[in-house]
């Protein structure tokens, strides 16, 4: 159930034009300070995961490893995406709360 709510909020962010998707755009959003949070698929390569973990730690942006590439892509209307950044502050906080709730349930 929580997975659906996270992906639904990502979809809403995309429709609002507040998502930077793909490795290059995600990196640009983080480095420019526009990213509110970053989501990297669980099936992304170890190199991609490490790259975004280190980058987000440096820029103090929350990063979550969640879902499959196909799920993230479907949420934003693409075939697949390994990473995306949400650039809206309010939507970022809402998504982060969903992850916090998910962590408490496990």
PDB file of N, CA and C in Angstrom:
ATOM      1  N   UNK A   1       0.820  -1.198   0.000  1.00  0.00           N
ATOM      2  CA  UNK A   1       0.000   0.000   0.000  1.00  0.00           C
ATOM      3  C   UNK A   1       0.862   1.259   0.000  1.00  0.00           C
ATOM      4  N   UNK A   2       1.902   1.289   0.799  1.00  0.00           N
ATOM      5  CA  UNK A   2       2.781   2.452   0.850  1.00  0.00           C
ATOM      6  C   UNK A   2       3.491   2.667  -0.484  1.00  0.00           C
ATOM      7  N   UNK A   3       3.866   1.570  -1.145  1.00  0.00           N
ATOM      8  CA  UNK A   3       4.545   1.687  -2.421  1.00  0.00           C
ATOM      9  C   UNK A   3       3.689   2.454  -3.403  1.00  0.00           C
ATOM     10  N   UNK A   4       2.392   2.148  -3.411  1.00  0.00           N
ATOM     11  CA  UNK A   4       1.479   2.839  -4.306  1.00  0.00           C
ATOM     12  C   UNK A   4       1.419   4.330  -3.974  1.00  0.00           C
ATOM     13  N   UNK A   5       1.410   4.681  -2.691  1.00  0.00           N
ATOM     14  CA  UNK A   5       1.314   6.095  -2.330  1.00  0.00           C
ATOM     15  C   UNK A   5       2.577   6.855  -2.720  1.00  0.00           C
ATOM     16  N   UNK A   6       3.729   6.231  -2.583  1.00  0.00           N
ATOM     17  CA  UNK A   6       4.978   6.883  -2.996  1.00  0.00           C
ATOM     18  C   UNK A   6       4.970   7.111  -4.504  1.00  0.00           C
ATOM     19  N   UNK A   7       4.661   6.070  -5.254  1.00  0.00           N
ATOM     20  CA  UNK A   7       4.661   6.196  -6.712  1.00  0.00           C
ATOM     21  C   UNK A   7       3.566   7.142  -7.194  1.00  0.00           C
ATOM     22  N   UNK A   8       2.457   7.192  -6.491  1.00  0.00           N
ATOM     23  CA  UNK A   8       1.394   8.139  -6.847  1.00  0.00           C
ATOM     24  C   UNK A   8       1.861   9.575  -6.672  1.00  0.00           C
ATOM     25  N   UNK A   9       2.564   9.835  -5.582  1.00  0.00           N
ATOM     26  CA  UNK A   9       3.090  11.189  -5.362  1.00  0.00           C
ATOM     27  C   UNK A   9       4.164  11.545  -6.385  1.00  0.00           C
ATOM     28  N   UNK A  10       4.969  10.570  -6.772  1.00  0.00           N
ATOM     29  CA  UNK A  10       5.967  10.810  -7.820  1.00  0.00           C
ATOM     30  C   UNK A  10       5.257  11.153  -9.131  1.00  0.00           C
ATOM     31  N   UNK A  11       4.182  10.446  -9.418  1.00  0.00           N
ATOM     32  CA  UNK A  11       3.405  10.712 -10.631  1.00  0.00           C
ATOM     33  C   UNK A  11       2.803  12.118 -10.609  1.00  0.00           C
ATOM     34  N   UNK A  12       2.302  12.525  -9.467  1.00  0.00           N
ATOM     35  CA  UNK A  12       1.745  13.878  -9.321  1.00  0.00           C
ATOM     36  C   UNK A  12       2.841  14.922  -9.537  1.00  0.00           C
ATOM     37  N   UNK A  13       4.013  14.661  -8.974  1.00  0.00           N
ATOM     38  CA  UNK A  13       5.139  15.586  -9.150  1.00  0.00           C
ATOM     39  C   UNK A  13       5.508  15.702 -10.626  1.00  0.00           C
ATOM     40  N   UNK A  14       5.498  14.585 -11.338  1.00  0.00           N
ATOM     41  CA  UNK A  14       5.824  14.606 -12.775  1.00  0.00           C
ATOM     42  C   UNK A  14       4.802  15.440 -13.540  1.00  0.00           C
ATOM     43  N   UNK A  15       3.535  15.242 -13.236  1.00  0.00           N
ATOM     44  CA  UNK A  15       2.480  16.003 -13.913  1.00  0.00           C
ATOM     45  C   UNK A  15       2.598  17.491 -13.632  1.00  0.00           C
ATOM     46  N   UNK A  16       3.125  17.842 -12.460  1.00  0.00           N
ATOM     47  CA  UNK A  16       3.325  19.245 -12.102  1.00  0.00           C
ATOM     48  C   UNK A  16       4.622  19.806 -12.677  1.00  0.00           C
ATOM     49  N   UNK A  17       5.397  18.958 -13.350  1.00  0.00           N
ATOM     50  CA  UNK A  17       6.666  19.410 -13.914  1.00  0.00           C
ATOM     51  C   UNK A  17       7.759  19.555 -12.880  1.00  0.00           C
ATOM     52  N   UNK A  18       7.660  18.806 -11.797  1.00  0.00           N
ATOM     53  CA  UNK A  18       8.611  18.929 -10.688  1.00  0.00           C
ATOM     54  C   UNK A  18       9.466  17.682 -10.502  1.00  0.00           C
ATOM     55  N   UNK A  19       9.789  17.001 -11.598  1.00  0.00           N
ATOM     56  CA  UNK A  19      10.641  15.814 -11.538  1.00  0.00           C
ATOM     57  C   UNK A  19      11.767  15.954 -12.553  1.00  0.00           C
ATOM     58  N   UNK A  20      12.971  15.680 -12.108  1.00  0.00           N
ATOM     59  CA  UNK A  20      14.127  15.565 -13.002  1.00  0.00           C
ATOM     60  C   UNK A  20      14.444  14.082 -13.062  1.00  0.00           C
ATOM     61  N   UNK A  21      14.277  13.468 -14.230  1.00  0.00           N
ATOM     62  CA  UNK A  21      14.429  12.015 -14.341  1.00  0.00           C
ATOM     63  C   UNK A  21      15.630  11.656 -15.196  1.00  0.00           C
ATOM     64  N   UNK A  22      16.243  10.532 -14.856  1.00  0.00           N
ATOM     65  CA  UNK A  22      17.433  10.090 -15.566  1.00  0.00           C
ATOM     66  C   UNK A  22      18.675  10.535 -14.816  1.00  0.00           C
ATOM     67  N   UNK A  23      19.753   9.834 -15.060  1.00  0.00           N
ATOM     68  CA  UNK A  23      20.973  10.069 -14.302  1.00  0.00           C
ATOM     69  C   UNK A  23      21.504  11.496 -14.455  1.00  0.00           C
ATOM     70  N   UNK A  24      21.579  11.998 -15.678  1.00  0.00           N
ATOM     71  CA  UNK A  24      22.141  13.330 -15.909  1.00  0.00           C
ATOM     72  C   UNK A  24      21.275  14.421 -15.285  1.00  0.00           C
ATOM     73  N   UNK A  25      19.959  14.370 -15.530  1.00  0.00           N
ATOM     74  CA  UNK A  25      19.070  15.400 -14.988  1.00  0.00           C
ATOM     75  C   UNK A  25      18.992  15.349 -13.467  1.00  0.00           C
ATOM     76  N   UNK A  26      19.015  14.145 -12.916  1.00  0.00           N
ATOM     77  CA  UNK A  26      19.008  14.009 -11.458  1.00  0.00           C
ATOM     78  C   UNK A  26      20.259  14.638 -10.863  1.00  0.00           C
ATOM     79  N   UNK A  27      21.400  14.334 -11.473  1.00  0.00           N
ATOM     80  CA  UNK A  27      22.667  14.908 -10.996  1.00  0.00           C
ATOM     81  C   UNK A  27      22.648  16.431 -11.081  1.00  0.00           C
ATOM     82  N   UNK A  28      22.139  16.976 -12.163  1.00  0.00           N
ATOM     83  CA  UNK A  28      22.064  18.435 -12.317  1.00  0.00           C
ATOM     84  C   UNK A  28      21.151  19.058 -11.270  1.00  0.00           C
ATOM     85  N   UNK A  29      20.014  18.413 -10.985  1.00  0.00           N
ATOM     86  CA  UNK A  29      19.084  18.933  -9.978  1.00  0.00           C
ATOM     87  C   UNK A  29      19.728  18.950  -8.594  1.00  0.00           C
ATOM     88  N   UNK A  30      20.485  17.912  -8.275  1.00  0.00           N
ATOM     89  CA  UNK A  30      21.157  17.847  -6.973  1.00  0.00           C
ATOM     90  C   UNK A  30      22.220  18.933  -6.880  1.00  0.00           C
ATOM     91  N   UNK A  31      23.066  19.012  -7.874  1.00  0.00           N
ATOM     92  CA  UNK A  31      24.185  19.964  -7.826  1.00  0.00           C
ATOM     93  C   UNK A  31      23.739  21.415  -7.887  1.00  0.00           C
ATOM     94  N   UNK A  32      22.586  21.681  -8.511  1.00  0.00           N
ATOM     95  CA  UNK A  32      22.089  23.050  -8.595  1.00  0.00           C
ATOM     96  C   UNK A  32      21.251  23.438  -7.379  1.00  0.00           C
ATOM     97  N   UNK A  33      20.999  22.484  -6.485  1.00  0.00           N
ATOM     98  CA  UNK A  33      20.231  22.773  -5.284  1.00  0.00           C
ATOM     99  C   UNK A  33      18.728  22.725  -5.480  1.00  0.00           C
ATOM    100  N   UNK A  34      18.263  22.254  -6.621  1.00  0.00           N
ATOM    101  CA  UNK A  34      16.825  22.201  -6.899  1.00  0.00           C
ATOM    102  C   UNK A  34      16.157  20.944  -6.353  1.00  0.00           C
ATOM    103  N   UNK A  35      16.914  19.886  -6.142  1.00  0.00           N
ATOM    104  CA  UNK A  35      16.335  18.608  -5.710  1.00  0.00           C
ATOM    105  C   UNK A  35      15.919  18.665  -4.245  1.00  0.00           C
ATOM    106  N   UNK A  36      14.701  18.213  -3.983  1.00  0.00           N
ATOM    107  CA  UNK A  36      14.220  18.099  -2.613  1.00  0.00           C
ATOM    108  C   UNK A  36      14.510  16.723  -2.049  1.00  0.00           C
ATOM    109  N   UNK A  37      14.503  15.727  -2.936  1.00  0.00           N
ATOM    110  CA  UNK A  37      14.887  14.363  -2.581  1.00  0.00           C
ATOM    111  C   UNK A  37      15.185  13.598  -3.852  1.00  0.00           C
ATOM    112  N   UNK A  38      15.921  12.519  -3.701  1.00  0.00           N
ATOM    113  CA  UNK A  38      16.317  11.682  -4.831  1.00  0.00           C
ATOM    114  C   UNK A  38      15.837  10.266  -4.546  1.00  0.00           C
ATOM    115  N   UNK A  39      15.303   9.624  -5.594  1.00  0.00           N
ATOM    116  CA  UNK A  39      14.929   8.216  -5.505  1.00  0.00           C
ATOM    117  C   UNK A  39      15.735   7.458  -6.548  1.00  0.00           C
ATOM    118  N   UNK A  40      16.414   6.407  -6.104  1.00  0.00           N
ATOM    119  CA  UNK A  40      17.194   5.542  -6.988  1.00  0.00           C
ATOM    120  C   UNK A  40      16.569   4.152  -6.905  1.00  0.00           C
ATOM    121  N   UNK A  41      16.382   3.511  -8.036  1.00  0.00           N
ATOM    122  CA  UNK A  41      15.759   2.187  -8.028  1.00  0.00           C
ATOM    123  C   UNK A  41      16.647   1.183  -7.302  1.00  0.00           C
ATOM    124  N   UNK A  42      16.005   0.208  -6.671  1.00  0.00           N
ATOM    125  CA  UNK A  42      16.742  -0.814  -5.942  1.00  0.00           C
ATOM    126  C   UNK A  42      17.561  -1.699  -6.870  1.00  0.00           C
ATOM    127  N   UNK A  43      17.135  -1.798  -8.149  1.00  0.00           N
ATOM    128  CA  UNK A  43      17.868  -2.642  -9.089  1.00  0.00           C
ATOM    129  C   UNK A  43      18.850  -1.859  -9.960  1.00  0.00           C
ATOM    130  N   UNK A  44      19.151  -0.625  -9.551  1.00  0.00           N
ATOM    131  CA  UNK A  44      20.190   0.148 -10.243  1.00  0.00           C
ATOM    132  C   UNK A  44      21.546  -0.494  -9.932  1.00  0.00           C
ATOM    133  N   UNK A  45      22.528  -0.191 -10.753  1.00  0.00           N
ATOM    134  CA  UNK A  45      23.864  -0.765 -10.527  1.00  0.00           C
ATOM    135  C   UNK A  45      24.441  -0.247  -9.212  1.00  0.00           C
ATOM    136  N   UNK A  46      25.342  -1.007  -8.652  1.00  0.00           N
ATOM    137  CA  UNK A  46      25.992  -0.599  -7.408  1.00  0.00           C
ATOM    138  C   UNK A  46      26.729   0.720  -7.584  1.00  0.00           C
ATOM    139  N   UNK A  47      27.314   0.926  -8.758  1.00  0.00           N
ATOM    140  CA  UNK A  47      28.027   2.163  -9.051  1.00  0.00           C
ATOM    141  C   UNK A  47      27.069   3.360  -9.016  1.00  0.00           C
ATOM    142  N   UNK A  48      25.891   3.202  -9.616  1.00  0.00           N
ATOM    143  CA  UNK A  48      24.895   4.279  -9.627  1.00  0.00           C
ATOM    144  C   UNK A  48      24.418   4.571  -8.212  1.00  0.00           C
ATOM    145  N   UNK A  49      24.155   3.532  -7.447  1.00  0.00           N
ATOM    146  CA  UNK A  49      23.703   3.722  -6.061  1.00  0.00           C
ATOM    147  C   UNK A  49      24.749   4.469  -5.245  1.00  0.00           C
ATOM    148  N   UNK A  50      26.001   4.043  -5.376  1.00  0.00           N
ATOM    149  CA  UNK A  50      27.087   4.686  -4.615  1.00  0.00           C
ATOM    150  C   UNK A  50      27.258   6.138  -5.043  1.00  0.00           C
ATOM    151  N   UNK A  51      27.190   6.378  -6.341  1.00  0.00           N
ATOM    152  CA  UNK A  51      27.346   7.740  -6.865  1.00  0.00           C
ATOM    153  C   UNK A  51      26.305   8.682  -6.261  1.00  0.00           C
ATOM    154  N   UNK A  52      25.042   8.258  -6.290  1.00  0.00           N
ATOM    155  CA  UNK A  52      23.993   9.132  -5.765  1.00  0.00           C
ATOM    156  C   UNK A  52      24.007   9.205  -4.250  1.00  0.00           C
ATOM    157  N   UNK A  53      24.371   8.125  -3.573  1.00  0.00           N
ATOM    158  CA  UNK A  53      24.477   8.167  -2.112  1.00  0.00           C
ATOM    159  C   UNK A  53      25.533   9.185  -1.698  1.00  0.00           C
ATOM    160  N   UNK A  54      26.705   9.125  -2.312  1.00  0.00           N
ATOM    161  CA  UNK A  54      27.784  10.055  -1.981  1.00  0.00           C
ATOM    162  C   UNK A  54      27.413  11.494  -2.336  1.00  0.00           C
ATOM    163  N   UNK A  55      26.826  11.691  -3.509  1.00  0.00           N
ATOM    164  CA  UNK A  55      26.460  13.033  -3.948  1.00  0.00           C
ATOM    165  C   UNK A  55      25.399  13.638  -3.028  1.00  0.00           C
ATOM    166  N   UNK A  56      24.390  12.849  -2.692  1.00  0.00           N
ATOM    167  CA  UNK A  56      23.316  13.354  -1.834  1.00  0.00           C
ATOM    168  C   UNK A  56      23.800  13.599  -0.412  1.00  0.00           C
ATOM    169  N   UNK A  57      24.715  12.771   0.076  1.00  0.00           N
ATOM    170  CA  UNK A  57      25.312  13.013   1.388  1.00  0.00           C
ATOM    171  C   UNK A  57      26.064  14.341   1.386  1.00  0.00           C
ATOM    172  N   UNK A  58      26.830  14.585   0.330  1.00  0.00           N
ATOM    173  CA  UNK A  58      27.615  15.812   0.232  1.00  0.00           C
ATOM    174  C   UNK A  58      26.714  17.048   0.181  1.00  0.00           C
ATOM    175  N   UNK A  59      25.637  16.982  -0.623  1.00  0.00           N
ATOM    176  CA  UNK A  59      24.738  18.131  -0.782  1.00  0.00           C
ATOM    177  C   UNK A  59      23.593  18.131   0.231  1.00  0.00           C
ATOM    178  N   UNK A  60      23.598  17.147   1.148  1.00  0.00           N
ATOM    179  CA  UNK A  60      22.592  17.038   2.206  1.00  0.00           C
ATOM    180  C   UNK A  60      21.172  16.967   1.660  1.00  0.00           C
ATOM    181  N   UNK A  61      20.986  16.046   0.743  1.00  0.00           N
ATOM    182  CA  UNK A  61      19.678  15.811   0.144  1.00  0.00           C
ATOM    183  C   UNK A  61      19.287  14.370   0.460  1.00  0.00           C
ATOM    184  N   UNK A  62      18.058  14.165   0.939  1.00  0.00           N
ATOM    185  CA  UNK A  62      17.639  12.793   1.244  1.00  0.00           C
ATOM    186  C   UNK A  62      17.642  11.920  -0.011  1.00  0.00           C
ATOM    187  N   UNK A  63      18.137  10.696   0.124  1.00  0.00           N
ATOM    188  CA  UNK A  63      18.148   9.749  -0.991  1.00  0.00           C
ATOM    189  C   UNK A  63      17.523   8.451  -0.505  1.00  0.00           C
ATOM    190  N   UNK A  64      16.667   7.873  -1.353  1.00  0.00           N
ATOM    191  CA  UNK A  64      15.984   6.634  -1.023  1.00  0.00           C
ATOM    192  C   UNK A  64      16.179   5.644  -2.151  1.00  0.00           C
ATOM    193  N   UNK A  65      16.380   4.380  -1.794  1.00  0.00           N
ATOM    194  CA  UNK A  65      16.517   3.305  -2.773  1.00  0.00           C
ATOM    195  C   UNK A  65      15.204   2.547  -2.738  1.00  0.00           C
ATOM    196  N   UNK A  66      14.469   2.598  -3.862  1.00  0.00           N
ATOM    197  CA  UNK A  66      13.079   2.177  -3.824  1.00  0.00           C
ATOM    198  C   UNK A  66      12.610   1.651  -5.174  1.00  0.00           C
ATOM    199  N   UNK A  67      11.911   0.556  -5.160  1.00  0.00           N
ATOM    200  CA  UNK A  67      11.257   0.042  -6.360  1.00  0.00           C
ATOM    201  C   UNK A  67      12.217  -0.421  -7.438  1.00  0.00           C
ATOM    202  N   UNK A  68      11.629  -0.825  -8.539  1.00  0.00           N
ATOM    203  CA  UNK A  68      12.385  -1.270  -9.710  1.00  0.00           C
ATOM    204  C   UNK A  68      12.408  -0.150 -10.750  1.00  0.00           C
ATOM    205  N   UNK A  69      13.345  -0.244 -11.676  1.00  0.00           N
ATOM    206  CA  UNK A  69      13.457   0.760 -12.739  1.00  0.00           C
ATOM    207  C   UNK A  69      12.139   0.909 -13.488  1.00  0.00           C
ATOM    208  N   UNK A  70      11.486  -0.221 -13.746  1.00  0.00           N
ATOM    209  CA  UNK A  70      10.226  -0.194 -14.486  1.00  0.00           C
ATOM    210  C   UNK A  70       9.132   0.524 -13.703  1.00  0.00           C
ATOM    211  N   UNK A  71       9.113   0.338 -12.373  1.00  0.00           N
ATOM    212  CA  UNK A  71       8.104   1.005 -11.541  1.00  0.00           C
ATOM    213  C   UNK A  71       8.313   2.515 -11.523  1.00  0.00           C
ATOM    214  N   UNK A  72       9.563   2.939 -11.356  1.00  0.00           N
ATOM    215  CA  UNK A  72       9.842   4.381 -11.357  1.00  0.00           C
ATOM    216  C   UNK A  72       9.509   4.988 -12.710  1.00  0.00           C
ATOM    217  N   UNK A  73       9.875   4.278 -13.781  1.00  0.00           N
ATOM    218  CA  UNK A  73       9.572   4.772 -15.121  1.00  0.00           C
ATOM    219  C   UNK A  73       8.080   4.878 -15.357  1.00  0.00           C
ATOM    220  N   UNK A  74       7.337   3.865 -14.963  1.00  0.00           N
ATOM    221  CA  UNK A  74       5.888   3.877 -15.159  1.00  0.00           C
ATOM    222  C   UNK A  74       5.232   5.024 -14.399  1.00  0.00           C
ATOM    223  N   UNK A  75       5.751   5.341 -13.229  1.00  0.00           N
ATOM    224  CA  UNK A  75       5.187   6.425 -12.425  1.00  0.00           C
ATOM    225  C   UNK A  75       5.331   7.781 -13.101  1.00  0.00           C
ATOM    226  N   UNK A  76       6.336   7.915 -13.970  1.00  0.00           N
ATOM    227  CA  UNK A  76       6.549   9.201 -14.643  1.00  0.00           C
ATOM    228  C   UNK A  76       6.279   9.124 -16.141  1.00  0.00           C
ATOM    229  N   UNK A  77       5.699   8.006 -16.583  1.00  0.00           N
ATOM    230  CA  UNK A  77       5.312   7.877 -17.986  1.00  0.00           C
ATOM    231  C   UNK A  77       6.443   7.526 -18.925  1.00  0.00           C
ATOM    232  N   UNK A  78       7.450   6.824 -18.428  1.00  0.00           N
ATOM    233  CA  UNK A  78       8.586   6.401 -19.245  1.00  0.00           C
ATOM    234  C   UNK A  78       8.718   4.879 -19.174  1.00  0.00           C
ATOM    235  N   UNK A  79       9.572   4.340 -20.052  1.00  0.00           N
ATOM    236  CA  UNK A  79       9.780   2.899 -20.033  1.00  0.00           C
ATOM    237  C   UNK A  79      10.448   2.467 -18.734  1.00  0.00           C
ATOM    238  N   UNK A  80      11.569   3.075 -18.386  1.00  0.00           N
ATOM    239  CA  UNK A  80      12.235   2.802 -17.112  1.00  0.00           C
ATOM    240  C   UNK A  80      13.158   3.953 -16.768  1.00  0.00           C
ATOM    241  N   UNK A  81      13.380   4.122 -15.475  1.00  0.00           N
ATOM    242  CA  UNK A  81      14.314   5.131 -14.977  1.00  0.00           C
ATOM    243  C   UNK A  81      14.993   4.574 -13.743  1.00  0.00           C
ATOM    244  N   UNK A  82      16.309   4.730 -13.662  1.00  0.00           N
ATOM    245  CA  UNK A  82      17.061   4.257 -12.502  1.00  0.00           C
ATOM    246  C   UNK A  82      17.120   5.315 -11.411  1.00  0.00           C
ATOM    247  N   UNK A  83      16.938   6.593 -11.772  1.00  0.00           N
ATOM    248  CA  UNK A  83      17.006   7.651 -10.760  1.00  0.00           C
ATOM    249  C   UNK A  83      16.113   8.810 -11.149  1.00  0.00           C
ATOM    250  N   UNK A  84      15.650   9.518 -10.132  1.00  0.00           N
ATOM    251  CA  UNK A  84      14.881  10.732 -10.358  1.00  0.00           C
ATOM    252  C   UNK A  84      14.994  11.622  -9.137  1.00  0.00           C
ATOM    253  N   UNK A  85      14.786  12.911  -9.362  1.00  0.00           N
ATOM    254  CA  UNK A  85      14.797  13.888  -8.278  1.00  0.00           C
ATOM    255  C   UNK A  85      13.469  14.631  -8.298  1.00  0.00           C
ATOM    256  N   UNK A  86      12.884  14.826  -7.140  1.00  0.00           N
ATOM    257  CA  UNK A  86      11.671  15.628  -7.008  1.00  0.00           C
ATOM    258  C   UNK A  86      12.122  17.034  -6.628  1.00  0.00           C
ATOM    259  N   UNK A  87      11.676  18.021  -7.403  1.00  0.00           N
ATOM    260  CA  UNK A  87      12.179  19.381  -7.217  1.00  0.00           C
ATOM    261  C   UNK A  87      11.186  20.303  -6.510  1.00  0.00           C
ATOM    262  N   UNK A  88      10.066  19.777  -6.066  1.00  0.00           N
ATOM    263  CA  UNK A  88       9.093  20.571  -5.320  1.00  0.00           C
ATOM    264  C   UNK A  88       9.237  20.264  -3.831  1.00  0.00           C
ATOM    265  N   UNK A  89       9.372  21.302  -3.026  1.00  0.00           N
ATOM    266  CA  UNK A  89       9.629  21.118  -1.597  1.00  0.00           C
ATOM    267  C   UNK A  89       8.485  20.402  -0.885  1.00  0.00           C
ATOM    268  N   UNK A  90       7.262  20.795  -1.158  1.00  0.00           N
ATOM    269  CA  UNK A  90       6.103  20.189  -0.502  1.00  0.00           C
ATOM    270  C   UNK A  90       5.928  18.728  -0.874  1.00  0.00           C
ATOM    271  N   UNK A  91       6.034  18.428  -2.151  1.00  0.00           N
ATOM    272  CA  UNK A  91       5.917  17.035  -2.592  1.00  0.00           C
ATOM    273  C   UNK A  91       7.073  16.197  -2.062  1.00  0.00           C
ATOM    274  N   UNK A  92       8.251  16.776  -1.993  1.00  0.00           N
ATOM    275  CA  UNK A  92       9.410  16.058  -1.442  1.00  0.00           C
ATOM    276  C   UNK A  92       9.163  15.675   0.007  1.00  0.00           C
ATOM    277  N   UNK A  93       8.623  16.604   0.790  1.00  0.00           N
ATOM    278  CA  UNK A  93       8.330  16.308   2.199  1.00  0.00           C
ATOM    279  C   UNK A  93       7.269  15.218   2.324  1.00  0.00           C
ATOM    280  N   UNK A  94       6.248  15.275   1.462  1.00  0.00           N
ATOM    281  CA  UNK A  94       5.186  14.264   1.502  1.00  0.00           C
ATOM    282  C   UNK A  94       5.729  12.878   1.183  1.00  0.00           C
ATOM    283  N   UNK A  95       6.581  12.805   0.182  1.00  0.00           N
ATOM    284  CA  UNK A  95       7.172  11.515  -0.191  1.00  0.00           C
ATOM    285  C   UNK A  95       8.077  11.016   0.923  1.00  0.00           C
ATOM    286  N   UNK A  96       8.847  11.916   1.506  1.00  0.00           N
ATOM    287  CA  UNK A  96       9.750  11.534   2.597  1.00  0.00           C
ATOM    288  C   UNK A  96       8.959  10.980   3.787  1.00  0.00           C
ATOM    289  N   UNK A  97       7.811  11.567   4.081  1.00  0.00           N
ATOM    290  CA  UNK A  97       6.959  11.064   5.169  1.00  0.00           C
ATOM    291  C   UNK A  97       6.480   9.649   4.872  1.00  0.00           C
ATOM    292  N   UNK A  98       6.166   9.359   3.614  1.00  0.00           N
ATOM    293  CA  UNK A  98       5.741   8.006   3.241  1.00  0.00           C
ATOM    294  C   UNK A  98       6.856   6.998   3.497  1.00  0.00           C
ATOM    295  N   UNK A  99       8.097   7.402   3.178  1.00  0.00           N
ATOM    296  CA  UNK A  99       9.236   6.517   3.448  1.00  0.00           C
ATOM    297  C   UNK A  99       9.430   6.322   4.949  1.00  0.00           C
ATOM    298  N   UNK A 100       9.261   7.367   5.741  1.00  0.00           N
ATOM    299  CA  UNK A 100       9.412   7.257   7.191  1.00  0.00           C
ATOM    300  C   UNK A 100       8.359   6.319   7.767  1.00  0.00           C
ATOM    301  N   UNK A 101       7.111   6.422   7.291  1.00  0.00           N
ATOM    302  CA  UNK A 101       6.051   5.533   7.747  1.00  0.00           C
ATOM    303  C   UNK A 101       6.345   4.086   7.355  1.00  0.00           C
ATOM    304  N   UNK A 102       6.860   3.896   6.153  1.00  0.00           N
ATOM    305  CA  UNK A 102       7.201   2.562   5.683  1.00  0.00           C
ATOM    306  C   UNK A 102       8.278   1.956   6.568  1.00  0.00           C
ATOM    307  N   UNK A 103       9.239   2.760   6.979  1.00  0.00           N
ATOM    308  CA  UNK A 103      10.315   2.277   7.840  1.00  0.00           C
ATOM    309  C   UNK A 103       9.822   1.834   9.202  1.00  0.00           C
ATOM    310  N   UNK A 104       8.807   2.485   9.725  1.00  0.00           N
ATOM    311  CA  UNK A 104       8.261   2.124  11.036  1.00  0.00           C
ATOM    312  C   UNK A 104       7.486   0.815  10.985  1.00  0.00           C
ATOM    313  N   UNK A 105       6.865   0.533   9.828  1.00  0.00           N
ATOM    314  CA  UNK A 105       6.044  -0.674   9.701  1.00  0.00           C
ATOM    315  C   UNK A 105       6.871  -1.923   9.590  1.00  0.00           C
ATOM    316  N   UNK A 106       8.103  -1.804   9.083  1.00  0.00           N
ATOM    317  CA  UNK A 106       8.924  -2.987   8.841  1.00  0.00           C
ATOM    318  C   UNK A 106       9.486  -3.554  10.106  1.00  0.00           C
TER     319      UNK A 106
END
